[in-house]
Amino acid sequence: MTISDYASLVVDAGEYSGRNDVAHLFPRFLGLAELKLNRVLRVSEMEHKAIIAVVDGEAPLPPDFVEARQVLSASGLPIRAVALQQLAINAQGGDGAGPPHGYAIVGNRITVRPAGDHGLTMTYYRKIPPLSPANPTNWLLEKAADVYLYALVEEIAVWERDAGKAGAAKELKLMALSGLKTSDERARWGDAQMTVGGATP
């Protein structure tokens, strides 16, 4: 049976784990699995672009934000990420005017200096859209259902306190994630060749 949606994932996870009696706990297992996947997975399907309206040097991050990939000023110039302390030191040496030269992520907000009102364009990794009966599929389930399957079997085994089963499921999950990342890198770069900068001898 092909895993194509939430319902079929529930069935297969129960069969693979040998626990068809835990369907009522499935939302808990799924939430934990997605939480862990959001920590480690960074592929092109997670990338999203958003306009960030900065007011007086700060702005809330998008609610599905995981990690910044690129931040551009209103003129399209890249802004670099710096440590919050360094951002404050750099700001003390300027007159507080002009386009932002650095940013830091603080909690669920972005802080830029010089402080002021700015329009930024952020490309960021966003969270995997959570599966649920109301949202029965997403890009990850369509592209790599095995990642979801083994992640869920692992959570069921952890709940059972079965270290052996959890370890085996985790190994299968990591193999599936490795395959997904390799596929993503090939799609991004194809047969691109690495070039080395600097003067040619």
N, C-alpha and C. Protein backbone atom coordinates (compact mmCIF):
# COMPACT_ATOMS: atom_id res chain seq x y z
N MET A 1 0.84 -1.19 0.00
CA MET A 1 0.00 0.00 0.00
C MET A 1 0.88 1.25 0.00
N THR A 2 0.57 2.20 -0.85
CA THR A 2 1.34 3.43 -0.95
C THR A 2 0.91 4.40 0.14
N ILE A 3 1.90 5.04 0.77
CA ILE A 3 1.60 6.06 1.77
C ILE A 3 1.36 7.36 1.03
N SER A 4 0.12 7.79 0.98
CA SER A 4 -0.23 8.97 0.20
C SER A 4 -0.84 10.08 1.02
N ASP A 5 -1.28 9.76 2.25
CA ASP A 5 -1.92 10.79 3.06
C ASP A 5 -1.86 10.42 4.54
N TYR A 6 -2.45 11.25 5.36
CA TYR A 6 -2.44 11.07 6.81
C TYR A 6 -2.99 9.70 7.20
N ALA A 7 -4.13 9.33 6.63
CA ALA A 7 -4.77 8.07 7.01
C ALA A 7 -3.90 6.86 6.69
N SER A 8 -3.31 6.85 5.50
CA SER A 8 -2.47 5.70 5.13
C SER A 8 -1.18 5.68 5.93
N LEU A 9 -0.69 6.84 6.35
CA LEU A 9 0.49 6.89 7.21
C LEU A 9 0.19 6.30 8.58
N VAL A 10 -1.00 6.60 9.11
CA VAL A 10 -1.42 6.02 10.39
C VAL A 10 -1.42 4.50 10.30
N VAL A 11 -1.99 3.96 9.24
CA VAL A 11 -2.10 2.52 9.07
C VAL A 11 -0.71 1.89 8.97
N ASP A 12 0.14 2.44 8.12
CA ASP A 12 1.47 1.86 7.91
C ASP A 12 2.35 1.97 9.15
N ALA A 13 2.27 3.10 9.84
CA ALA A 13 3.08 3.25 11.06
C ALA A 13 2.66 2.23 12.11
N GLY A 14 1.36 1.97 12.21
CA GLY A 14 0.88 0.96 13.14
C GLY A 14 1.35 -0.42 12.77
N GLU A 15 1.34 -0.75 11.47
CA GLU A 15 1.76 -2.07 11.02
C GLU A 15 3.27 -2.25 11.19
N TYR A 16 4.06 -1.25 10.82
CA TYR A 16 5.51 -1.36 10.93
C TYR A 16 5.96 -1.47 12.38
N SER A 17 5.26 -0.78 13.27
CA SER A 17 5.64 -0.81 14.69
C SER A 17 5.02 -1.99 15.43
N GLY A 18 4.06 -2.66 14.77
CA GLY A 18 3.37 -3.74 15.45
C GLY A 18 2.42 -3.26 16.53
N ARG A 19 2.01 -2.00 16.43
CA ARG A 19 1.11 -1.41 17.42
C ARG A 19 -0.06 -0.74 16.71
N ASN A 20 -1.03 -1.55 16.32
CA ASN A 20 -2.24 -1.00 15.70
C ASN A 20 -3.22 -0.44 16.72
N ASP A 21 -2.82 -0.49 17.98
CA ASP A 21 -3.72 -0.04 19.05
C ASP A 21 -3.39 1.36 19.56
N VAL A 22 -2.52 2.08 18.86
CA VAL A 22 -2.10 3.40 19.36
C VAL A 22 -2.52 4.54 18.44
N ALA A 23 -3.51 4.29 17.60
CA ALA A 23 -3.94 5.34 16.66
C ALA A 23 -4.39 6.60 17.38
N HIS A 24 -4.93 6.46 18.60
CA HIS A 24 -5.40 7.63 19.34
C HIS A 24 -4.24 8.51 19.80
N LEU A 25 -3.02 7.94 19.83
CA LEU A 25 -1.84 8.71 20.22
C LEU A 25 -1.07 9.25 19.02
N PHE A 26 -1.57 8.96 17.85
CA PHE A 26 -0.86 9.32 16.62
C PHE A 26 -0.57 10.82 16.53
N PRO A 27 -1.52 11.73 16.86
CA PRO A 27 -1.18 13.17 16.77
C PRO A 27 0.01 13.55 17.64
N ARG A 28 0.14 12.92 18.82
CA ARG A 28 1.29 13.19 19.69
C ARG A 28 2.59 12.73 19.05
N PHE A 29 2.59 11.50 18.53
CA PHE A 29 3.79 10.98 17.88
C PHE A 29 4.16 11.82 16.67
N LEU A 30 3.16 12.22 15.90
CA LEU A 30 3.41 13.00 14.70
C LEU A 30 4.01 14.37 15.05
N GLY A 31 3.47 15.00 16.09
CA GLY A 31 4.00 16.29 16.51
C GLY A 31 5.44 16.20 16.95
N LEU A 32 5.79 15.15 17.69
CA LEU A 32 7.18 14.96 18.12
C LEU A 32 8.10 14.68 16.94
N ALA A 33 7.62 13.86 16.00
CA ALA A 33 8.43 13.54 14.82
C ALA A 33 8.70 14.80 14.00
N GLU A 34 7.68 15.61 13.78
CA GLU A 34 7.86 16.83 12.99
C GLU A 34 8.75 17.83 13.72
N LEU A 35 8.65 17.88 15.04
CA LEU A 35 9.53 18.76 15.82
C LEU A 35 11.00 18.41 15.59
N LYS A 36 11.31 17.11 15.63
CA LYS A 36 12.69 16.67 15.43
C LYS A 36 13.15 16.89 13.99
N LEU A 37 12.25 16.64 13.03
CA LEU A 37 12.61 16.83 11.63
C LEU A 37 12.89 18.30 11.32
N ASN A 38 12.12 19.20 11.92
CA ASN A 38 12.35 20.63 11.69
C ASN A 38 13.71 21.08 12.21
N ARG A 39 14.25 20.37 13.18
CA ARG A 39 15.56 20.74 13.72
C ARG A 39 16.70 20.40 12.78
N VAL A 40 16.55 19.35 11.98
CA VAL A 40 17.69 18.85 11.20
C VAL A 40 17.53 18.99 9.69
N LEU A 41 16.31 19.07 9.20
CA LEU A 41 16.09 19.03 7.75
C LEU A 41 16.18 20.43 7.16
N ARG A 42 17.00 20.57 6.11
CA ARG A 42 17.12 21.83 5.37
C ARG A 42 17.21 21.49 3.89
N VAL A 43 16.08 21.54 3.20
CA VAL A 43 16.03 21.24 1.77
C VAL A 43 15.27 22.35 1.06
N SER A 44 15.34 22.34 -0.26
CA SER A 44 14.79 23.46 -1.03
C SER A 44 13.29 23.65 -0.84
N GLU A 45 12.57 22.57 -0.59
CA GLU A 45 11.12 22.71 -0.39
C GLU A 45 10.78 23.51 0.86
N MET A 46 11.72 23.65 1.76
CA MET A 46 11.49 24.42 2.98
C MET A 46 11.78 25.90 2.80
N GLU A 47 12.37 26.28 1.67
CA GLU A 47 12.74 27.67 1.46
C GLU A 47 11.53 28.51 1.06
N HIS A 48 11.49 29.71 1.63
CA HIS A 48 10.37 30.62 1.35
C HIS A 48 10.90 32.04 1.42
N LYS A 49 10.32 32.93 0.63
CA LYS A 49 10.74 34.33 0.61
C LYS A 49 9.61 35.19 1.18
N ALA A 50 9.98 36.15 2.04
CA ALA A 50 8.99 37.02 2.66
C ALA A 50 9.55 38.43 2.78
N ILE A 51 8.65 39.41 2.72
CA ILE A 51 9.01 40.80 2.95
C ILE A 51 8.85 41.07 4.45
N ILE A 52 9.91 41.60 5.06
CA ILE A 52 9.89 41.90 6.49
C ILE A 52 9.89 43.42 6.67
N ALA A 53 8.86 43.93 7.32
CA ALA A 53 8.76 45.37 7.57
C ALA A 53 9.36 45.67 8.95
N VAL A 54 10.54 46.25 8.94
CA VAL A 54 11.25 46.58 10.17
C VAL A 54 10.85 47.97 10.64
N VAL A 55 10.45 48.08 11.90
CA VAL A 55 10.08 49.36 12.49
C VAL A 55 10.99 49.62 13.68
N ASP A 56 11.71 50.74 13.62
CA ASP A 56 12.64 51.12 14.69
C ASP A 56 13.64 50.00 14.99
N GLY A 57 14.08 49.33 13.93
CA GLY A 57 15.15 48.34 14.08
C GLY A 57 14.72 46.93 14.42
N GLU A 58 13.40 46.68 14.53
CA GLU A 58 12.96 45.34 14.89
C GLU A 58 11.71 44.95 14.11
N ALA A 59 11.53 43.63 13.99
CA ALA A 59 10.32 43.11 13.33
C ALA A 59 10.10 41.67 13.77
N PRO A 60 8.84 41.25 13.83
CA PRO A 60 8.57 39.84 14.15
C PRO A 60 8.97 38.95 12.98
N LEU A 61 9.43 37.76 13.30
CA LEU A 61 9.74 36.77 12.27
C LEU A 61 8.46 36.10 11.81
N PRO A 62 8.46 35.53 10.61
CA PRO A 62 7.28 34.76 10.17
C PRO A 62 6.99 33.64 11.16
N PRO A 63 5.73 33.30 11.36
CA PRO A 63 5.39 32.28 12.37
C PRO A 63 5.96 30.89 12.07
N ASP A 64 6.26 30.61 10.79
CA ASP A 64 6.81 29.30 10.44
C ASP A 64 8.32 29.33 10.27
N PHE A 65 8.97 30.38 10.77
CA PHE A 65 10.42 30.56 10.61
C PHE A 65 11.20 29.48 11.36
N VAL A 66 12.23 28.95 10.70
CA VAL A 66 13.16 28.01 11.33
C VAL A 66 14.58 28.58 11.33
N GLU A 67 15.01 29.07 10.15
CA GLU A 67 16.39 29.54 10.03
C GLU A 67 16.49 30.46 8.82
N ALA A 68 17.24 31.56 8.97
CA ALA A 68 17.44 32.49 7.86
C ALA A 68 18.46 31.91 6.88
N ARG A 69 18.19 32.11 5.61
CA ARG A 69 19.12 31.69 4.56
C ARG A 69 19.79 32.90 3.93
N GLN A 70 19.00 33.96 3.69
CA GLN A 70 19.56 35.20 3.13
C GLN A 70 18.64 36.36 3.51
N VAL A 71 19.25 37.49 3.85
CA VAL A 71 18.50 38.70 4.15
C VAL A 71 19.05 39.81 3.26
N LEU A 72 18.16 40.48 2.54
CA LEU A 72 18.55 41.55 1.63
C LEU A 72 17.94 42.86 2.07
N SER A 73 18.68 43.95 1.86
CA SER A 73 18.15 45.28 2.14
C SER A 73 17.15 45.67 1.05
N ALA A 74 16.53 46.83 1.22
CA ALA A 74 15.56 47.31 0.23
C ALA A 74 16.21 47.50 -1.13
N SER A 75 17.52 47.78 -1.14
CA SER A 75 18.24 47.97 -2.41
C SER A 75 18.76 46.65 -2.98
N GLY A 76 18.51 45.55 -2.28
CA GLY A 76 18.92 44.25 -2.79
C GLY A 76 20.30 43.81 -2.35
N LEU A 77 20.93 44.54 -1.44
CA LEU A 77 22.26 44.16 -0.96
C LEU A 77 22.14 43.19 0.21
N PRO A 78 23.00 42.17 0.26
CA PRO A 78 22.95 41.21 1.37
C PRO A 78 23.31 41.87 2.70
N ILE A 79 22.63 41.47 3.74
CA ILE A 79 22.92 41.92 5.10
C ILE A 79 23.45 40.70 5.85
N ARG A 80 24.54 40.88 6.56
CA ARG A 80 25.14 39.71 7.21
C ARG A 80 24.62 39.53 8.63
N ALA A 81 24.56 38.29 9.05
CA ALA A 81 24.19 37.97 10.42
C ALA A 81 25.40 38.16 11.31
N VAL A 82 25.20 38.81 12.46
CA VAL A 82 26.28 39.02 13.42
C VAL A 82 25.75 38.72 14.81
N ALA A 83 26.66 38.51 15.73
CA ALA A 83 26.27 38.29 17.13
C ALA A 83 25.61 39.55 17.66
N LEU A 84 24.65 39.38 18.54
CA LEU A 84 23.90 40.51 19.07
C LEU A 84 24.83 41.54 19.73
N GLN A 85 25.81 41.08 20.47
CA GLN A 85 26.75 41.99 21.13
C GLN A 85 27.52 42.80 20.10
N GLN A 86 27.99 42.12 19.03
CA GLN A 86 28.73 42.81 17.99
C GLN A 86 27.85 43.81 17.26
N LEU A 87 26.59 43.46 17.09
CA LEU A 87 25.63 44.35 16.43
C LEU A 87 25.50 45.65 17.22
N ALA A 88 25.43 45.52 18.54
CA ALA A 88 25.31 46.71 19.40
C ALA A 88 26.59 47.54 19.35
N ILE A 89 27.76 46.89 19.33
CA ILE A 89 29.03 47.61 19.28
C ILE A 89 29.15 48.38 17.97
N ASN A 90 28.79 47.72 16.86
CA ASN A 90 28.87 48.36 15.55
C ASN A 90 27.95 49.57 15.48
N ALA A 91 26.77 49.44 16.10
CA ALA A 91 25.80 50.54 16.05
C ALA A 91 26.30 51.76 16.81
N GLN A 92 27.10 51.54 17.86
CA GLN A 92 27.60 52.67 18.66
C GLN A 92 28.57 53.54 17.87
N GLY A 93 29.22 52.92 16.88
CA GLY A 93 30.21 53.68 16.13
C GLY A 93 29.65 54.47 14.97
N GLY A 94 28.35 54.35 14.69
CA GLY A 94 27.77 55.05 13.55
C GLY A 94 26.85 56.16 14.00
N ASP A 95 26.23 56.81 12.99
CA ASP A 95 25.33 57.91 13.30
C ASP A 95 23.88 57.47 13.34
N GLY A 96 23.65 56.16 13.20
CA GLY A 96 22.29 55.65 13.29
C GLY A 96 21.48 55.83 12.04
N ALA A 97 22.11 56.26 10.95
CA ALA A 97 21.38 56.47 9.71
C ALA A 97 21.88 55.50 8.65
N GLY A 98 21.11 55.38 7.58
CA GLY A 98 21.53 54.57 6.45
C GLY A 98 20.93 53.19 6.46
N PRO A 99 21.25 52.41 5.43
CA PRO A 99 20.68 51.06 5.32
C PRO A 99 21.27 50.13 6.38
N PRO A 100 20.57 49.08 6.72
CA PRO A 100 21.09 48.15 7.73
C PRO A 100 22.33 47.44 7.25
N HIS A 101 23.29 47.24 8.15
CA HIS A 101 24.55 46.56 7.79
C HIS A 101 24.69 45.21 8.48
N GLY A 102 23.77 44.90 9.41
CA GLY A 102 23.84 43.62 10.10
C GLY A 102 22.53 43.33 10.80
N TYR A 103 22.34 42.04 11.08
CA TYR A 103 21.13 41.65 11.79
C TYR A 103 21.44 40.52 12.76
N ALA A 104 20.55 40.36 13.72
CA ALA A 104 20.64 39.25 14.68
C ALA A 104 19.22 38.76 14.94
N ILE A 105 19.09 37.46 15.15
CA ILE A 105 17.81 36.86 15.51
C ILE A 105 17.75 36.77 17.03
N VAL A 106 16.74 37.39 17.60
CA VAL A 106 16.56 37.39 19.05
C VAL A 106 15.16 36.87 19.34
N GLY A 107 15.09 35.65 19.86
CA GLY A 107 13.77 35.05 20.10
C GLY A 107 13.02 34.87 18.79
N ASN A 108 11.84 35.44 18.72
CA ASN A 108 11.04 35.34 17.49
C ASN A 108 11.01 36.66 16.74
N ARG A 109 12.10 37.45 16.90
CA ARG A 109 12.19 38.75 16.23
C ARG A 109 13.55 38.90 15.55
N ILE A 110 13.60 39.76 14.54
CA ILE A 110 14.86 40.12 13.89
C ILE A 110 15.20 41.54 14.30
N THR A 111 16.46 41.75 14.68
CA THR A 111 16.95 43.06 15.07
C THR A 111 18.01 43.49 14.07
N VAL A 112 17.88 44.71 13.54
CA VAL A 112 18.85 45.22 12.58
C VAL A 112 19.41 46.54 13.09
N ARG A 113 20.62 46.84 12.66
CA ARG A 113 21.26 48.11 12.98
C ARG A 113 21.92 48.65 11.72
N PRO A 114 21.90 49.96 11.51
CA PRO A 114 21.30 50.97 12.37
C PRO A 114 19.79 50.77 12.51
N ALA A 115 19.28 51.15 13.69
CA ALA A 115 17.84 51.07 13.90
C ALA A 115 17.14 52.07 12.99
N GLY A 116 15.94 51.75 12.63
CA GLY A 116 15.17 52.60 11.73
C GLY A 116 14.08 51.77 11.09
N ASP A 117 13.42 52.33 10.13
CA ASP A 117 12.37 51.63 9.39
C ASP A 117 12.96 51.13 8.08
N HIS A 118 12.88 49.82 7.87
CA HIS A 118 13.49 49.23 6.69
C HIS A 118 12.55 48.17 6.10
N GLY A 119 12.65 47.99 4.81
CA GLY A 119 11.97 46.88 4.16
C GLY A 119 12.99 45.84 3.76
N LEU A 120 12.93 44.67 4.37
CA LEU A 120 13.89 43.61 4.08
C LEU A 120 13.21 42.48 3.31
N THR A 121 14.00 41.80 2.51
CA THR A 121 13.54 40.57 1.86
C THR A 121 14.31 39.42 2.46
N MET A 122 13.59 38.51 3.09
CA MET A 122 14.24 37.38 3.76
C MET A 122 13.88 36.07 3.05
N THR A 123 14.91 35.32 2.71
CA THR A 123 14.72 33.94 2.28
C THR A 123 15.05 33.07 3.49
N TYR A 124 14.11 32.24 3.88
CA TYR A 124 14.30 31.48 5.10
C TYR A 124 13.77 30.06 4.95
N TYR A 125 14.23 29.18 5.83
CA TYR A 125 13.69 27.84 5.90
C TYR A 125 12.46 27.88 6.81
N ARG A 126 11.36 27.32 6.32
CA ARG A 126 10.16 27.31 7.14
C ARG A 126 9.83 25.90 7.59
N LYS A 127 9.03 25.83 8.64
CA LYS A 127 8.67 24.55 9.21
C LYS A 127 7.91 23.69 8.21
N ILE A 128 8.03 22.38 8.38
CA ILE A 128 7.25 21.43 7.58
C ILE A 128 5.78 21.65 7.91
N PRO A 129 4.91 21.83 6.92
CA PRO A 129 3.48 21.99 7.21
C PRO A 129 2.96 20.76 7.96
N PRO A 130 2.43 20.94 9.17
CA PRO A 130 2.03 19.78 9.98
C PRO A 130 0.93 18.96 9.32
N LEU A 131 1.08 17.65 9.38
CA LEU A 131 0.03 16.75 8.90
C LEU A 131 -1.08 16.66 9.94
N SER A 132 -2.29 16.50 9.45
CA SER A 132 -3.45 16.32 10.33
C SER A 132 -4.59 15.82 9.46
N PRO A 133 -5.68 15.38 10.07
CA PRO A 133 -6.84 14.98 9.25
C PRO A 133 -7.32 16.12 8.35
N ALA A 134 -7.19 17.37 8.84
CA ALA A 134 -7.61 18.51 8.03
C ALA A 134 -6.57 18.88 6.97
N ASN A 135 -5.32 18.51 7.19
CA ASN A 135 -4.24 18.76 6.23
C ASN A 135 -3.54 17.43 5.98
N PRO A 136 -4.16 16.55 5.17
CA PRO A 136 -3.73 15.15 5.09
C PRO A 136 -2.44 14.89 4.34
N THR A 137 -1.89 15.90 3.67
CA THR A 137 -0.63 15.66 2.96
C THR A 137 0.19 16.94 2.93
N ASN A 138 1.46 16.79 2.65
CA ASN A 138 2.36 17.94 2.47
C ASN A 138 3.51 17.52 1.56
N TRP A 139 4.41 18.43 1.29
CA TRP A 139 5.48 18.14 0.34
C TRP A 139 6.38 17.00 0.82
N LEU A 140 6.64 16.91 2.13
CA LEU A 140 7.54 15.87 2.63
C LEU A 140 6.92 14.49 2.49
N LEU A 141 5.65 14.35 2.78
CA LEU A 141 4.99 13.05 2.62
C LEU A 141 4.97 12.64 1.16
N GLU A 142 4.76 13.60 0.26
CA GLU A 142 4.74 13.29 -1.17
C GLU A 142 6.12 12.91 -1.69
N LYS A 143 7.15 13.55 -1.16
CA LYS A 143 8.51 13.33 -1.69
C LYS A 143 9.26 12.23 -0.97
N ALA A 144 9.03 12.08 0.33
CA ALA A 144 9.81 11.11 1.11
C ALA A 144 8.96 10.54 2.23
N ALA A 145 7.98 9.73 1.85
CA ALA A 145 7.08 9.14 2.85
C ALA A 145 7.83 8.25 3.83
N ASP A 146 8.96 7.68 3.39
CA ASP A 146 9.73 6.83 4.29
C ASP A 146 10.30 7.60 5.48
N VAL A 147 10.64 8.87 5.27
CA VAL A 147 11.12 9.70 6.38
C VAL A 147 10.05 9.80 7.45
N TYR A 148 8.84 10.10 7.04
CA TYR A 148 7.73 10.20 7.99
C TYR A 148 7.47 8.85 8.67
N LEU A 149 7.46 7.79 7.89
CA LEU A 149 7.15 6.47 8.43
C LEU A 149 8.13 6.08 9.53
N TYR A 150 9.43 6.15 9.24
CA TYR A 150 10.42 5.72 10.22
C TYR A 150 10.49 6.68 11.41
N ALA A 151 10.23 7.97 11.17
CA ALA A 151 10.20 8.93 12.27
C ALA A 151 9.07 8.58 13.24
N LEU A 152 7.94 8.16 12.70
CA LEU A 152 6.81 7.80 13.55
C LEU A 152 7.04 6.48 14.28
N VAL A 153 7.59 5.52 13.59
CA VAL A 153 7.90 4.24 14.23
C VAL A 153 8.88 4.47 15.38
N GLU A 154 9.83 5.37 15.17
CA GLU A 154 10.78 5.70 16.24
C GLU A 154 10.06 6.29 17.45
N GLU A 155 9.14 7.21 17.22
CA GLU A 155 8.41 7.82 18.34
C GLU A 155 7.55 6.79 19.08
N ILE A 156 6.96 5.88 18.34
CA ILE A 156 6.16 4.83 18.99
C ILE A 156 7.05 3.96 19.86
N ALA A 157 8.25 3.62 19.34
CA ALA A 157 9.18 2.78 20.09
C ALA A 157 9.69 3.50 21.33
N VAL A 158 9.93 4.82 21.23
CA VAL A 158 10.35 5.59 22.40
C VAL A 158 9.24 5.56 23.45
N TRP A 159 8.01 5.72 23.01
CA TRP A 159 6.86 5.67 23.93
C TRP A 159 6.75 4.30 24.60
N GLU A 160 7.09 3.24 23.84
CA GLU A 160 7.07 1.88 24.39
C GLU A 160 8.25 1.61 25.32
N ARG A 161 9.23 2.51 25.30
CA ARG A 161 10.50 2.30 26.02
C ARG A 161 11.26 1.09 25.49
N ASP A 162 11.19 0.93 24.18
CA ASP A 162 11.89 -0.17 23.51
C ASP A 162 13.10 0.42 22.80
N ALA A 163 14.24 0.41 23.48
CA ALA A 163 15.45 1.05 22.95
C ALA A 163 15.92 0.40 21.65
N GLY A 164 15.80 -0.92 21.56
CA GLY A 164 16.25 -1.62 20.36
C GLY A 164 15.44 -1.22 19.14
N LYS A 165 14.13 -1.21 19.30
CA LYS A 165 13.25 -0.84 18.19
C LYS A 165 13.44 0.63 17.82
N ALA A 166 13.60 1.49 18.85
CA ALA A 166 13.81 2.92 18.58
C ALA A 166 15.11 3.16 17.83
N GLY A 167 16.17 2.43 18.22
CA GLY A 167 17.46 2.59 17.55
C GLY A 167 17.41 2.15 16.10
N ALA A 168 16.72 1.03 15.85
CA ALA A 168 16.61 0.54 14.47
C ALA A 168 15.80 1.51 13.61
N ALA A 169 14.71 2.04 14.17
CA ALA A 169 13.88 2.99 13.42
C ALA A 169 14.64 4.28 13.16
N LYS A 170 15.43 4.72 14.15
CA LYS A 170 16.20 5.95 13.98
C LYS A 170 17.24 5.78 12.87
N GLU A 171 17.88 4.62 12.82
CA GLU A 171 18.87 4.37 11.77
C GLU A 171 18.23 4.42 10.39
N LEU A 172 17.03 3.82 10.26
CA LEU A 172 16.32 3.85 8.99
C LEU A 172 15.89 5.28 8.64
N LYS A 173 15.48 6.04 9.64
CA LYS A 173 15.09 7.43 9.42
C LYS A 173 16.29 8.25 8.92
N LEU A 174 17.45 8.07 9.55
CA LEU A 174 18.64 8.81 9.14
C LEU A 174 19.07 8.45 7.73
N MET A 175 18.93 7.18 7.36
CA MET A 175 19.24 6.77 5.99
C MET A 175 18.29 7.43 4.99
N ALA A 176 17.00 7.49 5.35
CA ALA A 176 16.02 8.13 4.48
C ALA A 176 16.30 9.62 4.35
N LEU A 177 16.67 10.27 5.47
CA LEU A 177 17.01 11.70 5.44
C LEU A 177 18.25 11.95 4.59
N SER A 178 19.23 11.06 4.70
CA SER A 178 20.44 11.20 3.90
C SER A 178 20.12 11.13 2.41
N GLY A 179 19.26 10.19 2.04
CA GLY A 179 18.86 10.08 0.65
C GLY A 179 18.11 11.31 0.16
N LEU A 180 17.26 11.86 1.02
CA LEU A 180 16.51 13.07 0.65
C LEU A 180 17.46 14.24 0.46
N LYS A 181 18.44 14.39 1.35
CA LYS A 181 19.39 15.50 1.25
C LYS A 181 20.26 15.36 0.00
N THR A 182 20.68 14.13 -0.31
CA THR A 182 21.48 13.91 -1.51
C THR A 182 20.69 14.27 -2.76
N SER A 183 19.43 13.85 -2.80
CA SER A 183 18.56 14.18 -3.92
C SER A 183 18.39 15.69 -4.05
N ASP A 184 18.26 16.37 -2.92
CA ASP A 184 18.10 17.83 -2.94
C ASP A 184 19.36 18.51 -3.46
N GLU A 185 20.53 18.05 -3.02
CA GLU A 185 21.79 18.64 -3.48
C GLU A 185 21.97 18.45 -4.98
N ARG A 186 21.61 17.28 -5.48
CA ARG A 186 21.72 17.04 -6.93
C ARG A 186 20.78 17.94 -7.71
N ALA A 187 19.58 18.14 -7.19
CA ALA A 187 18.62 19.00 -7.87
C ALA A 187 19.08 20.46 -7.86
N ARG A 188 19.72 20.87 -6.76
CA ARG A 188 20.19 22.25 -6.66
C ARG A 188 21.38 22.52 -7.57
N TRP A 189 22.35 21.61 -7.52
CA TRP A 189 23.64 21.89 -8.14
C TRP A 189 23.89 21.12 -9.44
N GLY A 190 23.16 20.02 -9.66
CA GLY A 190 23.37 19.25 -10.90
C GLY A 190 24.81 18.86 -11.06
N ASP A 191 25.38 19.17 -12.23
CA ASP A 191 26.78 18.82 -12.49
C ASP A 191 27.70 20.04 -12.33
N ALA A 192 27.26 21.00 -11.51
CA ALA A 192 28.09 22.19 -11.28
C ALA A 192 29.44 21.78 -10.71
N GLN A 193 30.48 22.48 -11.14
CA GLN A 193 31.83 22.17 -10.70
C GLN A 193 32.27 23.18 -9.66
N MET A 194 33.01 22.72 -8.67
CA MET A 194 33.52 23.61 -7.64
C MET A 194 34.65 24.45 -8.21
N THR A 195 34.64 25.76 -7.91
CA THR A 195 35.71 26.64 -8.34
C THR A 195 36.43 27.19 -7.12
N VAL A 196 37.71 27.41 -7.26
CA VAL A 196 38.53 27.92 -6.17
C VAL A 196 38.87 29.36 -6.48
N GLY A 197 38.55 30.26 -5.53
CA GLY A 197 38.86 31.68 -5.75
C GLY A 197 40.31 31.97 -5.52
N GLY A 198 40.70 33.20 -5.88
CA GLY A 198 42.08 33.62 -5.66
C GLY A 198 42.87 33.71 -6.97
N ALA A 199 44.09 34.19 -6.84
CA ALA A 199 44.94 34.38 -8.01
C ALA A 199 45.38 33.04 -8.59
N THR A 200 45.48 33.00 -9.89
CA THR A 200 45.97 31.79 -10.57
C THR A 200 47.48 31.86 -10.69
N PRO A 201 48.18 30.84 -10.24
CA PRO A 201 49.66 30.90 -10.29
C PRO A 201 50.16 30.87 -11.72
